[in-house]
Amino acid sequence: MSDKEAVLELVKRLPATVFLHEMLREIEFIAAVKEDLDEID
């Protein structure tokens, strides 16, 4: 899954009332996990 696809899936799952800073926090978390997984490989 590309980074763009991962973010789009995340946004689809979030409630409509989510704040932008909460979205950004979730995106940063996903990016950190993905980066760590890439380091393992």
PDB file of N, CA and C in Angstrom:
ATOM      1  N   MET A   1       0.859  -1.179   0.000  1.00  0.00           N
ATOM      2  CA  MET A   1       0.000   0.000   0.000  1.00  0.00           C
ATOM      3  C   MET A   1       0.900   1.235   0.000  1.00  0.00           C
ATOM      4  N   SER A   2       0.594   2.167  -0.870  1.00  0.00           N
ATOM      5  CA  SER A   2       1.382   3.399  -0.933  1.00  0.00           C
ATOM      6  C   SER A   2       1.042   4.307   0.251  1.00  0.00           C
ATOM      7  N   ASP A   3       1.894   5.282   0.473  1.00  0.00           N
ATOM      8  CA  ASP A   3       1.638   6.240   1.555  1.00  0.00           C
ATOM      9  C   ASP A   3       0.308   6.964   1.343  1.00  0.00           C
ATOM     10  N   LYS A   4       0.057   7.335   0.114  1.00  0.00           N
ATOM     11  CA  LYS A   4      -1.186   8.055  -0.201  1.00  0.00           C
ATOM     12  C   LYS A   4      -2.399   7.182   0.091  1.00  0.00           C
ATOM     13  N   GLU A   5      -2.329   5.923  -0.300  1.00  0.00           N
ATOM     14  CA  GLU A   5      -3.437   5.004  -0.043  1.00  0.00           C
ATOM     15  C   GLU A   5      -3.657   4.806   1.449  1.00  0.00           C
ATOM     16  N   ALA A   6      -2.567   4.721   2.212  1.00  0.00           N
ATOM     17  CA  ALA A   6      -2.680   4.549   3.660  1.00  0.00           C
ATOM     18  C   ALA A   6      -3.370   5.747   4.302  1.00  0.00           C
ATOM     19  N   VAL A   7      -3.025   6.942   3.867  1.00  0.00           N
ATOM     20  CA  VAL A   7      -3.644   8.157   4.416  1.00  0.00           C
ATOM     21  C   VAL A   7      -5.109   8.234   4.025  1.00  0.00           C
ATOM     22  N   LEU A   8      -5.421   7.899   2.791  1.00  0.00           N
ATOM     23  CA  LEU A   8      -6.820   7.932   2.351  1.00  0.00           C
ATOM     24  C   LEU A   8      -7.665   6.945   3.145  1.00  0.00           C
ATOM     25  N   GLU A   9      -7.144   5.758   3.401  1.00  0.00           N
ATOM     26  CA  GLU A   9      -7.874   4.773   4.205  1.00  0.00           C
ATOM     27  C   GLU A   9      -8.079   5.282   5.631  1.00  0.00           C
ATOM     28  N   LEU A  10      -7.061   5.906   6.187  1.00  0.00           N
ATOM     29  CA  LEU A  10      -7.167   6.472   7.531  1.00  0.00           C
ATOM     30  C   LEU A  10      -8.265   7.526   7.582  1.00  0.00           C
ATOM     31  N   VAL A  11      -8.267   8.432   6.629  1.00  0.00           N
ATOM     32  CA  VAL A  11      -9.248   9.517   6.609  1.00  0.00           C
ATOM     33  C   VAL A  11     -10.665   8.962   6.476  1.00  0.00           C
ATOM     34  N   LYS A  12     -10.830   7.915   5.696  1.00  0.00           N
ATOM     35  CA  LYS A  12     -12.150   7.299   5.541  1.00  0.00           C
ATOM     36  C   LYS A  12     -12.670   6.733   6.869  1.00  0.00           C
ATOM     37  N   ARG A  13     -11.757   6.221   7.711  1.00  0.00           N
ATOM     38  CA  ARG A  13     -12.164   5.604   8.974  1.00  0.00           C
ATOM     39  C   ARG A  13     -12.421   6.607  10.089  1.00  0.00           C
ATOM     40  N   LEU A  14     -11.911   7.816   9.956  1.00  0.00           N
ATOM     41  CA  LEU A  14     -12.067   8.810  11.020  1.00  0.00           C
ATOM     42  C   LEU A  14     -13.477   9.399  11.003  1.00  0.00           C
ATOM     43  N   PRO A  15     -13.968   9.776  12.172  1.00  0.00           N
ATOM     44  CA  PRO A  15     -15.301  10.402  12.207  1.00  0.00           C
ATOM     45  C   PRO A  15     -15.281  11.775  11.533  1.00  0.00           C
ATOM     46  N   ALA A  16     -16.427  12.206  11.077  1.00  0.00           N
ATOM     47  CA  ALA A  16     -16.535  13.484  10.369  1.00  0.00           C
ATOM     48  C   ALA A  16     -16.190  14.671  11.255  1.00  0.00           C
ATOM     49  N   THR A  17     -16.280  14.493  12.562  1.00  0.00           N
ATOM     50  CA  THR A  17     -16.044  15.599  13.481  1.00  0.00           C
ATOM     51  C   THR A  17     -14.600  15.684  13.977  1.00  0.00           C
ATOM     52  N   VAL A  18     -13.699  14.879  13.411  1.00  0.00           N
ATOM     53  CA  VAL A  18     -12.307  14.865  13.871  1.00  0.00           C
ATOM     54  C   VAL A  18     -11.630  16.198  13.540  1.00  0.00           C
ATOM     55  N   PHE A  19     -10.777  16.636  14.454  1.00  0.00           N
ATOM     56  CA  PHE A  19     -10.040  17.878  14.243  1.00  0.00           C
ATOM     57  C   PHE A  19      -8.800  17.613  13.392  1.00  0.00           C
ATOM     58  N   LEU A  20      -8.354  18.627  12.684  1.00  0.00           N
ATOM     59  CA  LEU A  20      -7.212  18.492  11.790  1.00  0.00           C
ATOM     60  C   LEU A  20      -5.966  18.037  12.547  1.00  0.00           C
ATOM     61  N   HIS A  21      -5.722  18.596  13.737  1.00  0.00           N
ATOM     62  CA  HIS A  21      -4.520  18.200  14.474  1.00  0.00           C
ATOM     63  C   HIS A  21      -4.580  16.733  14.897  1.00  0.00           C
ATOM     64  N   GLU A  22      -5.772  16.192  15.114  1.00  0.00           N
ATOM     65  CA  GLU A  22      -5.910  14.769  15.428  1.00  0.00           C
ATOM     66  C   GLU A  22      -5.607  13.918  14.195  1.00  0.00           C
ATOM     67  N   MET A  23      -6.043  14.375  13.031  1.00  0.00           N
ATOM     68  CA  MET A  23      -5.725  13.684  11.789  1.00  0.00           C
ATOM     69  C   MET A  23      -4.224  13.649  11.572  1.00  0.00           C
ATOM     70  N   LEU A  24      -3.584  14.778  11.786  1.00  0.00           N
ATOM     71  CA  LEU A  24      -2.142  14.845  11.590  1.00  0.00           C
ATOM     72  C   LEU A  24      -1.404  13.925  12.544  1.00  0.00           C
ATOM     73  N   ARG A  25      -1.869  13.841  13.776  1.00  0.00           N
ATOM     74  CA  ARG A  25      -1.250  12.947  14.760  1.00  0.00           C
ATOM     75  C   ARG A  25      -1.360  11.491  14.295  1.00  0.00           C
ATOM     76  N   GLU A  26      -2.514  11.116  13.765  1.00  0.00           N
ATOM     77  CA  GLU A  26      -2.702   9.757  13.260  1.00  0.00           C
ATOM     78  C   GLU A  26      -1.794   9.477  12.062  1.00  0.00           C
ATOM     79  N   ILE A  27      -1.678  10.451  11.173  1.00  0.00           N
ATOM     80  CA  ILE A  27      -0.813  10.294   9.999  1.00  0.00           C
ATOM     81  C   ILE A  27       0.645  10.149  10.429  1.00  0.00           C
ATOM     82  N   GLU A  28       1.066  10.946  11.404  1.00  0.00           N
ATOM     83  CA  GLU A  28       2.437  10.845  11.907  1.00  0.00           C
ATOM     84  C   GLU A  28       2.688   9.480  12.538  1.00  0.00           C
ATOM     85  N   PHE A  29       1.702   8.956  13.245  1.00  0.00           N
ATOM     86  CA  PHE A  29       1.843   7.639  13.856  1.00  0.00           C
ATOM     87  C   PHE A  29       2.017   6.562  12.787  1.00  0.00           C
ATOM     88  N   ILE A  30       1.172   6.602  11.771  1.00  0.00           N
ATOM     89  CA  ILE A  30       1.265   5.621  10.687  1.00  0.00           C
ATOM     90  C   ILE A  30       2.614   5.731   9.982  1.00  0.00           C
ATOM     91  N   ALA A  31       3.071   6.955   9.765  1.00  0.00           N
ATOM     92  CA  ALA A  31       4.370   7.157   9.107  1.00  0.00           C
ATOM     93  C   ALA A  31       5.500   6.570   9.947  1.00  0.00           C
ATOM     94  N   ALA A  32       5.453   6.759  11.254  1.00  0.00           N
ATOM     95  CA  ALA A  32       6.494   6.230  12.134  1.00  0.00           C
ATOM     96  C   ALA A  32       6.493   4.704  12.130  1.00  0.00           C
ATOM     97  N   VAL A  33       5.317   4.105  12.189  1.00  0.00           N
ATOM     98  CA  VAL A  33       5.230   2.648  12.162  1.00  0.00           C
ATOM     99  C   VAL A  33       5.752   2.111  10.848  1.00  0.00           C
ATOM    100  N   LYS A  34       5.347   2.732   9.765  1.00  0.00           N
ATOM    101  CA  LYS A  34       5.788   2.278   8.427  1.00  0.00           C
ATOM    102  C   LYS A  34       7.304   2.416   8.287  1.00  0.00           C
ATOM    103  N   GLU A  35       7.843   3.494   8.802  1.00  0.00           N
ATOM    104  CA  GLU A  35       9.295   3.706   8.752  1.00  0.00           C
ATOM    105  C   GLU A  35      10.026   2.626   9.550  1.00  0.00           C
ATOM    106  N   ASP A  36       9.507   2.316  10.733  1.00  0.00           N
ATOM    107  CA  ASP A  36      10.123   1.272  11.558  1.00  0.00           C
ATOM    108  C   ASP A  36      10.048  -0.091  10.871  1.00  0.00           C
ATOM    109  N   LEU A  37       8.924  -0.384  10.246  1.00  0.00           N
ATOM    110  CA  LEU A  37       8.794  -1.655   9.541  1.00  0.00           C
ATOM    111  C   LEU A  37       9.761  -1.732   8.349  1.00  0.00           C
ATOM    112  N   ASP A  38       9.969  -0.612   7.676  1.00  0.00           N
ATOM    113  CA  ASP A  38      10.914  -0.583   6.560  1.00  0.00           C
ATOM    114  C   ASP A  38      12.341  -0.843   7.036  1.00  0.00           C
ATOM    115  N   GLU A  39      12.660  -0.357   8.241  1.00  0.00           N
ATOM    116  CA  GLU A  39      14.000  -0.578   8.792  1.00  0.00           C
ATOM    117  C   GLU A  39      14.229  -2.045   9.126  1.00  0.00           C
ATOM    118  N   ILE A  40      13.174  -2.730   9.525  1.00  0.00           N
ATOM    119  CA  ILE A  40      13.286  -4.154   9.862  1.00  0.00           C
ATOM    120  C   ILE A  40      13.610  -4.975   8.616  1.00  0.00           C
ATOM    121  N   ASP A  41      13.001  -4.598   7.501  1.00  0.00           N
ATOM    122  CA  ASP A  41      13.223  -5.323   6.232  1.00  0.00           C
ATOM    123  C   ASP A  41      14.569  -4.984   5.719  1.00  0.00           C
TER     124      ASP A  41
END
